[in-house]
Amino acid sequence: MRDKFIKWGIIILVIIWAISLLIKSHYWIPILLTFIYILGLYNAFQTKHAILRNFPVVGYFRYIFEGISPEMQQYFIERETDGKPFPRNERSSAYRRAKNLSDTVPFGTQLEINNRKYEGIKHSIYAKSPAEELPTVLLGGVDCKQKYKASLFNISAMSFGSLSDRAQISLNRGAKKGGFFHNTGEGGISPYHLEGGDLCWQIGTGYFGCRDDHGNFSPEIFKKNVSLPSVKLIEIKISQGAKPGHGGVLPGSKNTPEIAAIRHVQPGMTIISPPSHSSFSDATGLLHFVKQLRDLSDGKPVGFKLCIGDTKEFEDICVQMNVLKIYPDFITVDGAEGGTGAAPPEFSDGVGMPLEPALIFVNRTLTNFNLRDKLKIIASGKVLTSLDILRAVAMGADMCNNARGFMFALGCIQALRCNTNTCPTGVATQDKMLIKGLDVTDKSERVYHFHKNTLRTCNELIAAAGRTSYEEVDASMFMRGDEFEHLADYYFPDILGNVKAPSNRY
């Protein structure tokens, strides 16, 4: 192909130039073709791309189609129940709720409800009227001096840096209006987090916002920032669902001078947080760090976030809680399917425990160690819909955090470019040209409506099941698959011995 291109390209160029010179017009045609031919000659002899070397000009179509493949897939091929990590129907529901539009769908479900993976709620013929008040949860254990009344549903961790300034302002204003908290992510507290909304300040392994010149935790700087009135609770991030055991990553293209100043690092460099904390290295150290942060914050709720991996490590933390009598106010359980940040595919796809079994394990372990009544469990990891929230509550969570749903409320179209600084909606980028398309006034209202309408649907689902409060939500409320198995039967097989086998069904 390459030899033919060189040979026939020269012949065709000579002919076209001759014709143009003969008729004394249309010189742009041979000029353009000459440029294409020179480009083709370069590709024919370069050694980096085999496709372009063998197909010097036509080979570019491969890269063009590859570049627009996500858009082609989403706009022309994807069905309502397709799309990863969130199918179109779930994204559409989030958009409608954020816009405060009707979220009803016509003509029945498109799901395969006879599939064993199908999960649904068992409704009651004695359904209740839905509660008008949105659910809240009181955070704060015996050692907490400043207990916090949190919403059942809140914004999960997304740093300024991973998200744009306008995105953070919109999230915080929406949180202020809706009365729910906004997790800062591990990038520290930026000016764009201070729009009046309640904050959960996340302390990651890089200690951004409370680090000294050597990158270690600074009690003095922490105490100064934690005294901000908007900081209502503190979360120590041990690991996250997208990349447990791997430090956070902020690409250099996103590390602007402003972000670098907030994080106390050099601008333009890719920031990779350490995989673990330097302030502690075992369960005892973690709990002493919890106590230190609680003391420095004058008794604000302090907890930690982790994705479950080696279960013995979590059991050891529970043992040390009873030994030291130090209890976190909450534990955030992140599922391996969660995460908005950039991560190597092997970590995203193959490391960590999914949310459902992780919640069950954490809930059971805390119960076995007589710790369950001393702290709250927060579920985080692909908890997008009202059904997801109730499922998490049924498996042991007291409340839920979500990140990507609130990104949808901001206008995210799941373009899957969060790590490239080219987010087309201005949400996950630091490109000023792209950010200017995000209108803060409109998006903050959408954040507020998404939260409100999602929880209202939660209230409606509980009422449809004949329950009157979230304390009554448990696994017996759910059924699974064509055999209408209880989630309790599926996830808690030890109780199957108490269930009598049916007589001959046929």
Protein backbone atom coordinates (compact mmCIF):
# COMPACT_ATOMS: atom_id res chain seq x y z
CA MET A 1 0.00 0.00 0.00
CA ARG A 2 2.82 2.38 0.88
CA ASP A 3 4.71 1.75 -2.39
CA LYS A 4 1.54 2.20 -4.42
CA PHE A 5 0.82 5.47 -2.61
CA ILE A 6 4.28 6.84 -3.44
CA LYS A 7 4.15 5.74 -7.07
CA TRP A 8 0.57 6.67 -7.96
CA GLY A 9 0.66 9.81 -5.83
CA ILE A 10 3.45 11.27 -7.99
CA ILE A 11 1.65 10.34 -11.21
CA ILE A 12 -1.67 11.85 -10.09
CA LEU A 13 -0.01 15.04 -8.83
CA VAL A 14 1.84 15.55 -12.12
CA ILE A 15 -1.40 15.10 -14.08
CA ILE A 16 -3.43 17.47 -11.89
CA TRP A 17 -0.71 20.13 -11.86
CA ALA A 18 -0.45 19.88 -15.64
CA ILE A 19 -4.20 20.32 -16.06
CA SER A 20 -4.31 23.30 -13.69
CA LEU A 21 -1.42 25.00 -15.42
CA LEU A 22 -3.01 24.31 -18.79
CA ILE A 23 -6.37 25.85 -17.89
CA LYS A 24 -4.72 28.48 -15.64
CA SER A 25 -7.22 28.09 -12.76
CA HIS A 26 -8.13 26.00 -9.71
CA TYR A 27 -4.59 26.02 -8.35
CA TRP A 28 -5.92 25.30 -4.84
CA ILE A 29 -6.67 21.71 -5.85
CA PRO A 30 -3.08 20.67 -6.69
CA ILE A 31 -1.78 22.68 -3.70
CA LEU A 32 -4.10 20.80 -1.34
CA LEU A 33 -3.27 17.44 -2.89
CA THR A 34 0.45 18.22 -2.68
CA PHE A 35 0.10 18.95 1.03
CA ILE A 36 -1.77 15.65 1.53
CA TYR A 37 0.89 13.80 -0.45
CA ILE A 38 3.72 15.29 1.61
CA LEU A 39 1.85 14.33 4.79
CA GLY A 40 1.41 10.83 3.38
CA LEU A 41 5.14 10.60 2.57
CA TYR A 42 5.96 11.55 6.16
CA ASN A 43 3.61 8.89 7.50
CA ALA A 44 4.98 6.29 5.09
CA PHE A 45 8.43 6.55 6.63
CA GLN A 46 7.63 7.30 10.31
CA THR A 47 7.96 4.36 12.68
CA LYS A 48 5.52 5.07 15.54
CA HIS A 49 2.18 4.16 13.94
CA ALA A 50 1.91 0.99 11.85
CA ILE A 51 -1.55 1.93 10.53
CA LEU A 52 -0.31 5.25 9.13
CA ARG A 53 2.87 3.65 7.81
CA ASN A 54 0.87 1.10 5.80
CA PHE A 55 -2.03 3.44 4.93
CA PRO A 56 -0.39 6.89 4.87
CA VAL A 57 -3.58 9.01 4.51
CA VAL A 58 -6.57 6.70 4.84
CA GLY A 59 -5.19 5.53 8.18
CA TYR A 60 -6.24 8.82 9.79
CA PHE A 61 -9.88 7.75 9.53
CA ARG A 62 -9.14 5.04 12.08
CA TYR A 63 -8.10 7.63 14.67
CA ILE A 64 -10.98 9.96 13.79
CA PHE A 65 -13.57 7.22 14.28
CA GLU A 66 -11.86 6.05 17.45
CA GLY A 67 -12.00 9.59 18.84
CA ILE A 68 -15.75 9.96 18.27
CA SER A 69 -16.57 6.37 19.18
CA PRO A 70 -18.09 7.23 22.63
CA GLU A 71 -20.37 9.82 21.02
CA MET A 72 -21.37 7.46 18.21
CA GLN A 73 -22.10 4.76 20.77
CA GLN A 74 -24.14 7.05 23.02
CA TYR A 75 -26.16 8.90 20.38
CA PHE A 76 -26.77 6.28 17.70
CA ILE A 77 -26.28 2.77 19.16
CA GLU A 78 -27.01 2.84 22.88
CA ARG A 79 -30.46 1.69 24.02
CA GLU A 80 -32.30 2.96 27.11
CA THR A 81 -30.96 0.12 29.24
CA ASP A 82 -27.43 0.28 27.79
CA GLY A 83 -24.48 2.43 28.77
CA LYS A 84 -21.70 2.07 31.31
CA PRO A 85 -21.18 2.79 34.10
CA PHE A 86 -24.73 4.21 34.16
CA PRO A 87 -27.37 3.19 31.58
CA ARG A 88 -29.26 5.85 29.67
CA ASN A 89 -32.51 5.35 31.60
CA GLU A 90 -30.82 6.09 34.94
CA ARG A 91 -29.03 9.13 33.52
CA SER A 92 -32.28 10.39 32.01
CA SER A 93 -34.05 9.99 35.33
CA ALA A 94 -31.33 12.02 37.06
CA TYR A 95 -31.59 14.76 34.41
CA ARG A 96 -35.38 15.00 34.75
CA ARG A 97 -35.26 15.15 38.53
CA ALA A 98 -32.54 17.79 38.40
CA LYS A 99 -34.66 19.88 36.04
CA ASN A 100 -37.70 19.34 38.30
CA LEU A 101 -39.59 17.72 35.44
CA SER A 102 -41.86 14.71 35.55
CA ASP A 103 -39.74 11.58 35.93
CA THR A 104 -42.45 9.17 34.79
CA VAL A 105 -41.82 6.76 31.89
CA PRO A 106 -44.37 5.45 29.38
CA PHE A 107 -45.45 1.98 28.30
CA GLY A 108 -43.95 -0.07 31.10
CA THR A 109 -40.49 -1.26 32.06
CA GLN A 110 -37.77 -2.10 29.57
CA LEU A 111 -35.92 -4.28 32.06
CA GLU A 112 -35.80 -8.07 31.90
CA ILE A 113 -37.71 -8.52 35.15
CA ASN A 114 -37.67 -12.33 34.92
CA ASN A 115 -33.90 -12.25 35.08
CA ARG A 116 -32.46 -13.53 38.37
CA LYS A 117 -30.54 -10.26 38.75
CA TYR A 118 -33.74 -8.25 38.81
CA GLU A 119 -34.45 -6.67 42.20
CA GLY A 120 -37.68 -5.03 43.24
CA ILE A 121 -39.61 -3.86 46.28
CA LYS A 122 -42.51 -5.87 47.64
CA HIS A 123 -45.37 -3.42 47.77
CA SER A 124 -48.16 -3.67 50.31
CA ILE A 125 -51.88 -3.67 49.60
CA TYR A 126 -52.03 -1.50 52.72
CA ALA A 127 -49.79 1.22 51.38
CA LYS A 128 -49.23 4.36 53.44
CA SER A 129 -49.26 8.01 52.49
CA PRO A 130 -45.72 9.25 51.74
CA ALA A 131 -44.07 11.47 54.33
CA GLU A 132 -43.61 15.09 53.29
CA GLU A 133 -40.49 15.68 55.38
CA LEU A 134 -37.23 14.52 53.86
CA PRO A 135 -35.29 12.01 56.00
CA THR A 136 -32.36 13.04 58.19
CA VAL A 137 -29.79 11.22 60.34
CA LEU A 138 -28.09 12.50 63.50
CA LEU A 139 -24.30 12.09 63.32
CA GLY A 140 -22.21 12.06 66.47
CA GLY A 141 -21.21 9.48 69.06
CA VAL A 142 -20.62 9.68 72.79
CA ASP A 143 -17.42 11.74 72.42
CA CYS A 144 -18.84 14.15 69.83
CA LYS A 145 -19.58 17.63 71.19
CA GLN A 146 -21.04 19.10 67.99
CA LYS A 147 -23.53 16.56 66.66
CA TYR A 148 -24.74 17.16 63.12
CA LYS A 149 -28.18 16.51 61.66
CA ALA A 150 -27.41 15.26 58.16
CA SER A 151 -29.60 14.44 55.21
CA LEU A 152 -30.02 10.79 54.26
CA PHE A 153 -28.51 11.66 50.85
CA ASN A 154 -25.42 13.87 50.35
CA ILE A 155 -22.73 14.85 47.86
CA SER A 156 -19.79 12.45 47.90
CA ALA A 157 -16.13 13.42 47.65
CA MET A 158 -15.05 15.38 44.55
CA SER A 159 -12.10 17.76 44.85
CA PHE A 160 -11.65 21.19 43.40
CA GLY A 161 -9.19 20.21 40.73
CA SER A 162 -11.06 17.16 39.60
CA LEU A 163 -14.13 19.41 39.24
CA SER A 164 -14.16 23.01 38.05
CA ASP A 165 -14.71 26.07 40.23
CA ARG A 166 -18.21 26.66 38.85
CA ALA A 167 -19.12 23.03 39.45
CA GLN A 168 -18.07 23.32 43.10
CA ILE A 169 -19.95 26.58 43.58
CA SER A 170 -23.09 25.02 42.09
CA LEU A 171 -22.81 21.95 44.32
CA ASN A 172 -22.31 24.02 47.45
CA ARG A 173 -25.15 26.42 46.73
CA GLY A 174 -27.44 23.49 45.98
CA ALA A 175 -26.40 21.84 49.25
CA LYS A 176 -27.13 25.05 51.14
CA LYS A 177 -30.63 25.34 49.72
CA GLY A 178 -31.40 21.63 50.17
CA GLY A 179 -29.93 21.24 53.65
CA PHE A 180 -27.44 18.46 52.86
CA PHE A 181 -23.67 18.31 53.07
CA HIS A 182 -21.02 18.65 50.39
CA ASN A 183 -17.88 16.51 50.71
CA THR A 184 -14.81 18.52 49.67
CA GLY A 185 -12.82 15.57 48.35
CA GLU A 186 -9.18 15.20 49.33
CA GLY A 187 -8.07 18.39 47.54
CA GLY A 188 -8.72 20.65 50.52
CA ILE A 189 -11.19 23.47 51.16
CA SER A 190 -11.24 25.92 48.27
CA PRO A 191 -13.00 29.32 48.15
CA TYR A 192 -15.59 27.65 45.91
CA HIS A 193 -16.65 25.35 48.75
CA LEU A 194 -17.57 28.35 50.90
CA GLU A 195 -20.91 29.39 49.42
CA GLY A 196 -22.85 28.66 52.59
CA GLY A 197 -23.41 24.92 52.20
CA ASP A 198 -22.43 22.46 54.93
CA LEU A 199 -19.08 20.75 54.35
CA CYS A 200 -17.62 17.36 55.10
CA TRP A 201 -13.87 18.04 54.98
CA GLN A 202 -12.08 15.01 53.62
CA ILE A 203 -8.50 14.46 54.76
CA GLY A 204 -6.62 12.27 52.29
CA THR A 205 -3.14 10.81 52.34
CA GLY A 206 -1.71 14.01 50.85
CA TYR A 207 -3.16 16.09 53.73
CA PHE A 208 -4.08 18.88 51.30
CA GLY A 209 -5.25 21.91 53.25
CA CYS A 210 -3.56 20.71 56.45
CA ARG A 211 -0.03 19.73 55.40
CA ASP A 212 3.36 21.15 56.25
CA ASP A 213 6.18 21.84 53.79
CA HIS A 214 7.19 18.17 53.85
CA GLY A 215 3.72 16.84 53.08
CA ASN A 216 3.01 15.64 56.62
CA PHE A 217 -0.09 16.40 58.68
CA SER A 218 0.01 19.81 60.37
CA PRO A 219 -2.21 20.07 63.49
CA GLU A 220 -1.89 23.88 63.48
CA ILE A 221 -3.09 24.33 59.90
CA PHE A 222 -5.84 21.75 60.41
CA LYS A 223 -7.12 23.51 63.51
CA LYS A 224 -7.25 26.81 61.67
CA ASN A 225 -9.29 25.46 58.74
CA VAL A 226 -11.56 23.11 60.69
CA SER A 227 -12.82 26.07 62.73
CA LEU A 228 -14.70 27.34 59.67
CA PRO A 229 -18.43 27.36 60.53
CA SER A 230 -19.35 25.51 57.33
CA VAL A 231 -17.16 22.50 58.24
CA LYS A 232 -19.62 20.21 60.02
CA LEU A 233 -17.76 16.88 59.92
CA ILE A 234 -14.35 15.43 59.01
CA GLU A 235 -13.70 12.31 56.97
CA ILE A 236 -10.33 10.54 56.90
CA LYS A 237 -9.94 8.89 53.51
CA ILE A 238 -8.11 5.60 53.86
CA SER A 239 -9.06 4.26 50.44
CA GLN A 240 -11.62 4.88 47.70
CA GLY A 241 -13.63 2.57 45.49
CA ALA A 242 -12.10 3.47 42.15
CA LYS A 243 -8.56 2.67 43.24
CA PRO A 244 -8.21 1.20 46.73
CA GLY A 245 -4.57 0.94 47.72
CA HIS A 246 -3.64 3.57 45.14
CA GLY A 247 -3.18 7.27 45.82
CA GLY A 248 -5.35 9.92 44.26
CA VAL A 249 -4.22 11.41 40.95
CA LEU A 250 -4.59 14.98 39.69
CA PRO A 251 -3.20 15.30 36.13
CA GLY A 252 -0.72 18.10 35.61
CA SER A 253 -3.02 19.70 33.01
CA LYS A 254 -5.56 20.27 35.79
CA ASN A 255 -3.05 21.48 38.39
CA THR A 256 -3.40 25.23 37.93
CA PRO A 257 -1.50 27.79 40.07
CA GLU A 258 -4.70 28.37 42.06
CA ILE A 259 -5.16 24.67 42.80
CA ALA A 260 -1.48 24.28 43.61
CA ALA A 261 -1.71 27.13 46.15
CA ILE A 262 -4.71 25.50 47.86
CA ARG A 263 -2.95 22.13 48.02
CA HIS A 264 0.46 23.59 48.84
CA VAL A 265 2.21 21.89 45.88
CA GLN A 266 3.98 22.95 42.68
CA PRO A 267 1.67 23.97 39.78
CA GLY A 268 1.68 22.02 36.54
CA MET A 269 2.93 18.78 38.04
CA THR A 270 0.84 15.62 38.23
CA ILE A 271 -0.10 15.16 41.88
CA ILE A 272 -0.09 11.56 43.08
CA SER A 273 -1.13 11.19 46.70
CA PRO A 274 0.66 8.51 48.72
CA PRO A 275 -1.14 5.14 48.83
CA SER A 276 -1.36 5.29 52.64
CA HIS A 277 -1.23 7.78 55.51
CA SER A 278 2.03 8.89 57.10
CA SER A 279 0.27 9.75 60.38
CA PHE A 280 -0.59 6.12 61.19
CA SER A 281 0.17 2.62 59.97
CA ASP A 282 -2.15 0.37 61.96
CA ALA A 283 -5.59 0.26 63.58
CA THR A 284 -4.36 1.77 66.82
CA GLY A 285 -2.77 4.69 64.99
CA LEU A 286 -5.92 5.26 62.95
CA LEU A 287 -8.12 5.50 66.02
CA HIS A 288 -5.69 7.80 67.81
CA PHE A 289 -5.74 9.99 64.67
CA VAL A 290 -9.55 10.03 64.83
CA LYS A 291 -9.36 11.20 68.43
CA GLN A 292 -6.71 13.81 67.57
CA LEU A 293 -8.89 15.32 64.82
CA ARG A 294 -11.94 15.30 67.07
CA ASP A 295 -10.01 17.12 69.80
CA LEU A 296 -8.53 19.64 67.36
CA SER A 297 -11.98 20.34 65.90
CA ASP A 298 -13.51 20.86 69.33
CA GLY A 299 -15.67 17.78 69.10
CA LYS A 300 -16.98 17.78 65.53
CA PRO A 301 -17.99 14.38 64.09
CA VAL A 302 -14.98 12.48 62.72
CA GLY A 303 -15.04 9.27 60.69
CA PHE A 304 -13.12 7.44 58.03
CA LYS A 305 -13.80 6.19 54.52
CA LEU A 306 -12.54 2.93 53.08
CA CYS A 307 -13.14 0.33 50.43
CA ILE A 308 -13.12 -3.12 52.03
CA GLY A 309 -10.28 -5.39 50.94
CA ASP A 310 -8.63 -7.63 53.51
CA THR A 311 -11.52 -8.20 55.95
CA LYS A 312 -9.14 -9.05 58.81
CA GLU A 313 -7.86 -5.47 58.78
CA PHE A 314 -11.34 -4.10 59.37
CA GLU A 315 -11.95 -6.66 62.12
CA ASP A 316 -8.72 -5.49 63.75
CA ILE A 317 -10.01 -1.90 63.73
CA CYS A 318 -13.15 -3.10 65.50
CA VAL A 319 -11.07 -4.95 68.11
CA GLN A 320 -9.04 -1.82 68.79
CA MET A 321 -12.18 0.31 69.14
CA ASN A 322 -13.22 -1.82 72.09
CA VAL A 323 -9.70 -1.90 73.54
CA LEU A 324 -9.03 1.85 73.25
CA LYS A 325 -12.63 2.99 73.75
CA ILE A 326 -12.17 5.32 70.78
CA TYR A 327 -15.06 5.26 68.35
CA PRO A 328 -15.38 7.11 65.06
CA ASP A 329 -18.69 8.89 64.60
CA PHE A 330 -19.20 7.30 61.20
CA ILE A 331 -17.63 4.91 58.70
CA THR A 332 -18.07 5.55 54.99
CA VAL A 333 -18.07 2.30 53.02
CA ASP A 334 -17.08 2.82 49.39
CA GLY A 335 -17.81 0.09 46.88
CA ALA A 336 -15.32 -0.99 44.24
CA GLU A 337 -17.82 0.19 41.60
CA GLY A 338 -17.65 3.75 42.93
CA GLY A 339 -15.35 6.62 42.08
CA THR A 340 -15.18 9.69 39.85
CA GLY A 341 -11.39 9.95 39.77
CA ALA A 342 -8.84 8.68 37.28
CA ALA A 343 -7.49 5.22 38.01
CA PRO A 344 -5.55 2.47 36.23
CA PRO A 345 -8.07 0.01 34.68
CA GLU A 346 -6.74 -2.88 36.73
CA PHE A 347 -7.63 -0.97 39.91
CA SER A 348 -11.04 0.15 38.66
CA ASP A 349 -11.94 -3.32 37.42
CA GLY A 350 -10.16 -5.71 39.72
CA VAL A 351 -9.43 -4.34 43.19
CA GLY A 352 -11.76 -3.97 46.16
CA MET A 353 -15.10 -5.35 47.36
CA PRO A 354 -18.38 -4.22 45.75
CA LEU A 355 -20.70 -2.09 47.86
CA GLU A 356 -23.42 -4.61 48.67
CA PRO A 357 -21.29 -7.35 50.22
CA ALA A 358 -19.08 -4.68 51.81
CA LEU A 359 -22.07 -3.08 53.54
CA ILE A 360 -23.30 -6.44 54.77
CA PHE A 361 -19.84 -7.34 56.08
CA VAL A 362 -19.29 -4.00 57.85
CA ASN A 363 -22.76 -4.00 59.38
CA ARG A 364 -22.43 -7.57 60.64
CA THR A 365 -18.89 -7.10 61.94
CA LEU A 366 -19.81 -3.97 63.89
CA THR A 367 -22.81 -5.81 65.32
CA ASN A 368 -20.69 -8.80 66.31
CA PHE A 369 -18.27 -6.51 68.16
CA ASN A 370 -21.15 -4.64 69.88
CA LEU A 371 -20.22 -1.43 68.06
CA ARG A 372 -23.17 -0.90 65.75
CA ASP A 373 -25.00 1.51 68.06
CA LYS A 374 -21.91 3.66 68.57
CA LEU A 375 -21.51 4.96 65.01
CA LYS A 376 -23.26 5.46 61.68
CA ILE A 377 -22.53 3.75 58.36
CA ILE A 378 -22.50 5.82 55.18
CA ALA A 379 -22.81 3.99 51.85
CA SER A 380 -20.89 5.45 48.92
CA GLY A 381 -20.47 3.88 45.50
CA LYS A 382 -22.93 4.08 42.60
CA VAL A 383 -25.87 4.94 44.86
CA LEU A 384 -27.77 6.97 42.27
CA THR A 385 -31.47 6.15 42.34
CA SER A 386 -34.02 6.04 45.14
CA LEU A 387 -34.05 2.26 44.84
CA ASP A 388 -30.25 2.23 45.28
CA ILE A 389 -30.59 4.28 48.47
CA LEU A 390 -33.21 1.98 49.99
CA ARG A 391 -31.21 -1.10 48.99
CA ALA A 392 -28.17 0.33 50.78
CA VAL A 393 -30.24 1.11 53.87
CA ALA A 394 -31.63 -2.43 53.84
CA MET A 395 -28.09 -3.79 53.85
CA GLY A 396 -26.97 -1.78 56.83
CA ALA A 397 -26.34 1.82 55.81
CA ASP A 398 -27.71 4.72 57.84
CA MET A 399 -27.23 7.22 55.01
CA CYS A 400 -25.76 7.51 51.51
CA ASN A 401 -23.33 9.69 49.58
CA ASN A 402 -23.28 10.01 45.80
CA ALA A 403 -20.95 11.79 43.40
CA ARG A 404 -21.82 10.95 39.81
CA GLY A 405 -25.55 11.56 40.26
CA PHE A 406 -24.81 15.12 41.31
CA MET A 407 -22.47 15.40 38.33
CA PHE A 408 -25.43 14.48 36.13
CA ALA A 409 -27.38 17.23 37.87
CA LEU A 410 -24.60 19.64 36.85
CA GLY A 411 -24.95 18.55 33.22
CA CYS A 412 -22.44 15.69 32.96
CA ILE A 413 -23.19 13.58 29.87
CA GLN A 414 -20.95 10.64 30.79
CA ALA A 415 -18.47 11.59 28.07
CA LEU A 416 -15.81 9.61 29.98
CA ARG A 417 -13.22 12.39 29.67
CA CYS A 418 -12.89 13.30 33.35
CA ASN A 419 -9.15 12.57 33.37
CA THR A 420 -8.30 14.47 30.17
CA ASN A 421 -9.25 18.07 31.11
CA THR A 422 -11.58 18.13 28.07
CA CYS A 423 -14.97 17.60 29.75
CA PRO A 424 -17.40 19.11 27.20
CA THR A 425 -19.86 20.30 29.87
CA GLY A 426 -17.34 22.22 32.01
CA VAL A 427 -17.86 19.96 35.03
CA ALA A 428 -14.63 17.93 35.27
CA THR A 429 -12.13 20.32 33.70
CA GLN A 430 -9.99 23.37 34.42
CA ASP A 431 -10.22 24.65 30.84
CA LYS A 432 -11.69 28.16 31.16
CA MET A 433 -13.27 28.01 27.70
CA LEU A 434 -15.21 24.89 28.64
CA ILE A 435 -16.03 26.02 32.19
CA LYS A 436 -17.75 29.20 31.01
CA GLY A 437 -20.58 27.09 29.55
CA LEU A 438 -21.65 26.01 33.05
CA ASP A 439 -24.18 28.46 34.49
CA VAL A 440 -23.98 28.47 38.29
CA THR A 441 -27.47 29.83 38.93
CA ASP A 442 -29.14 27.15 36.82
CA LYS A 443 -26.96 24.24 37.94
CA SER A 444 -27.23 24.98 41.66
CA GLU A 445 -31.01 24.77 41.31
CA ARG A 446 -30.64 21.45 39.51
CA VAL A 447 -28.47 20.09 42.32
CA TYR A 448 -31.13 21.11 44.83
CA HIS A 449 -33.99 19.56 42.82
CA PHE A 450 -32.09 16.32 42.15
CA HIS A 451 -31.58 15.79 45.87
CA LYS A 452 -35.12 16.73 46.82
CA ASN A 453 -36.87 14.67 44.13
CA THR A 454 -34.71 11.60 44.73
CA LEU A 455 -35.55 11.56 48.44
CA ARG A 456 -39.22 12.24 47.75
CA THR A 457 -39.29 9.12 45.62
CA CYS A 458 -37.61 7.25 48.50
CA ASN A 459 -40.49 8.32 50.73
CA GLU A 460 -42.98 7.14 48.13
CA LEU A 461 -41.31 3.74 47.81
CA ILE A 462 -41.33 3.22 51.58
CA ALA A 463 -44.99 4.16 51.73
CA ALA A 464 -45.79 1.78 48.86
CA ALA A 465 -44.18 -1.02 50.88
CA GLY A 466 -46.43 -0.23 53.82
CA ARG A 467 -43.58 1.14 55.95
CA THR A 468 -43.69 4.42 57.86
CA SER A 469 -40.01 5.06 58.59
CA TYR A 470 -36.53 4.23 57.38
CA GLU A 471 -35.94 2.20 60.55
CA GLU A 472 -38.40 -0.32 59.09
CA VAL A 473 -36.42 -0.75 55.85
CA ASP A 474 -34.74 -4.15 55.74
CA ALA A 475 -33.95 -6.95 53.33
CA SER A 476 -37.41 -8.50 53.68
CA MET A 477 -38.76 -5.50 51.76
CA PHE A 478 -37.07 -6.68 48.58
CA MET A 479 -37.55 -9.53 46.13
CA ARG A 480 -35.11 -10.83 43.56
CA GLY A 481 -35.45 -12.54 40.22
CA ASP A 482 -38.10 -14.81 38.72
CA GLU A 483 -38.37 -16.80 41.95
CA PHE A 484 -39.11 -13.63 43.93
CA GLU A 485 -36.35 -14.44 46.37
CA HIS A 486 -35.97 -12.14 49.34
CA LEU A 487 -32.71 -10.28 49.39
CA ALA A 488 -32.42 -11.77 52.87
CA ASP A 489 -32.47 -15.25 51.33
CA TYR A 490 -29.89 -14.28 48.72
CA TYR A 491 -27.43 -12.42 50.91
CA PHE A 492 -28.06 -14.12 54.24
CA PRO A 493 -28.13 -17.86 53.41
CA ASP A 494 -27.77 -18.81 57.08
CA ILE A 495 -31.48 -18.08 57.64
CA LEU A 496 -32.58 -20.42 54.88
CA GLY A 497 -32.77 -23.26 57.37
CA ASN A 498 -35.70 -21.50 58.99
CA VAL A 499 -37.67 -21.38 55.74
CA LYS A 500 -39.89 -24.36 54.99
CA ALA A 501 -39.51 -25.77 51.52
CA PRO A 502 -42.73 -25.51 49.50
CA SER A 503 -44.66 -28.61 48.64
CA ASN A 504 -44.85 -29.77 45.03
CA ARG A 505 -45.17 -26.50 43.10
CA TYR A 506 -46.46 -28.19 40.01
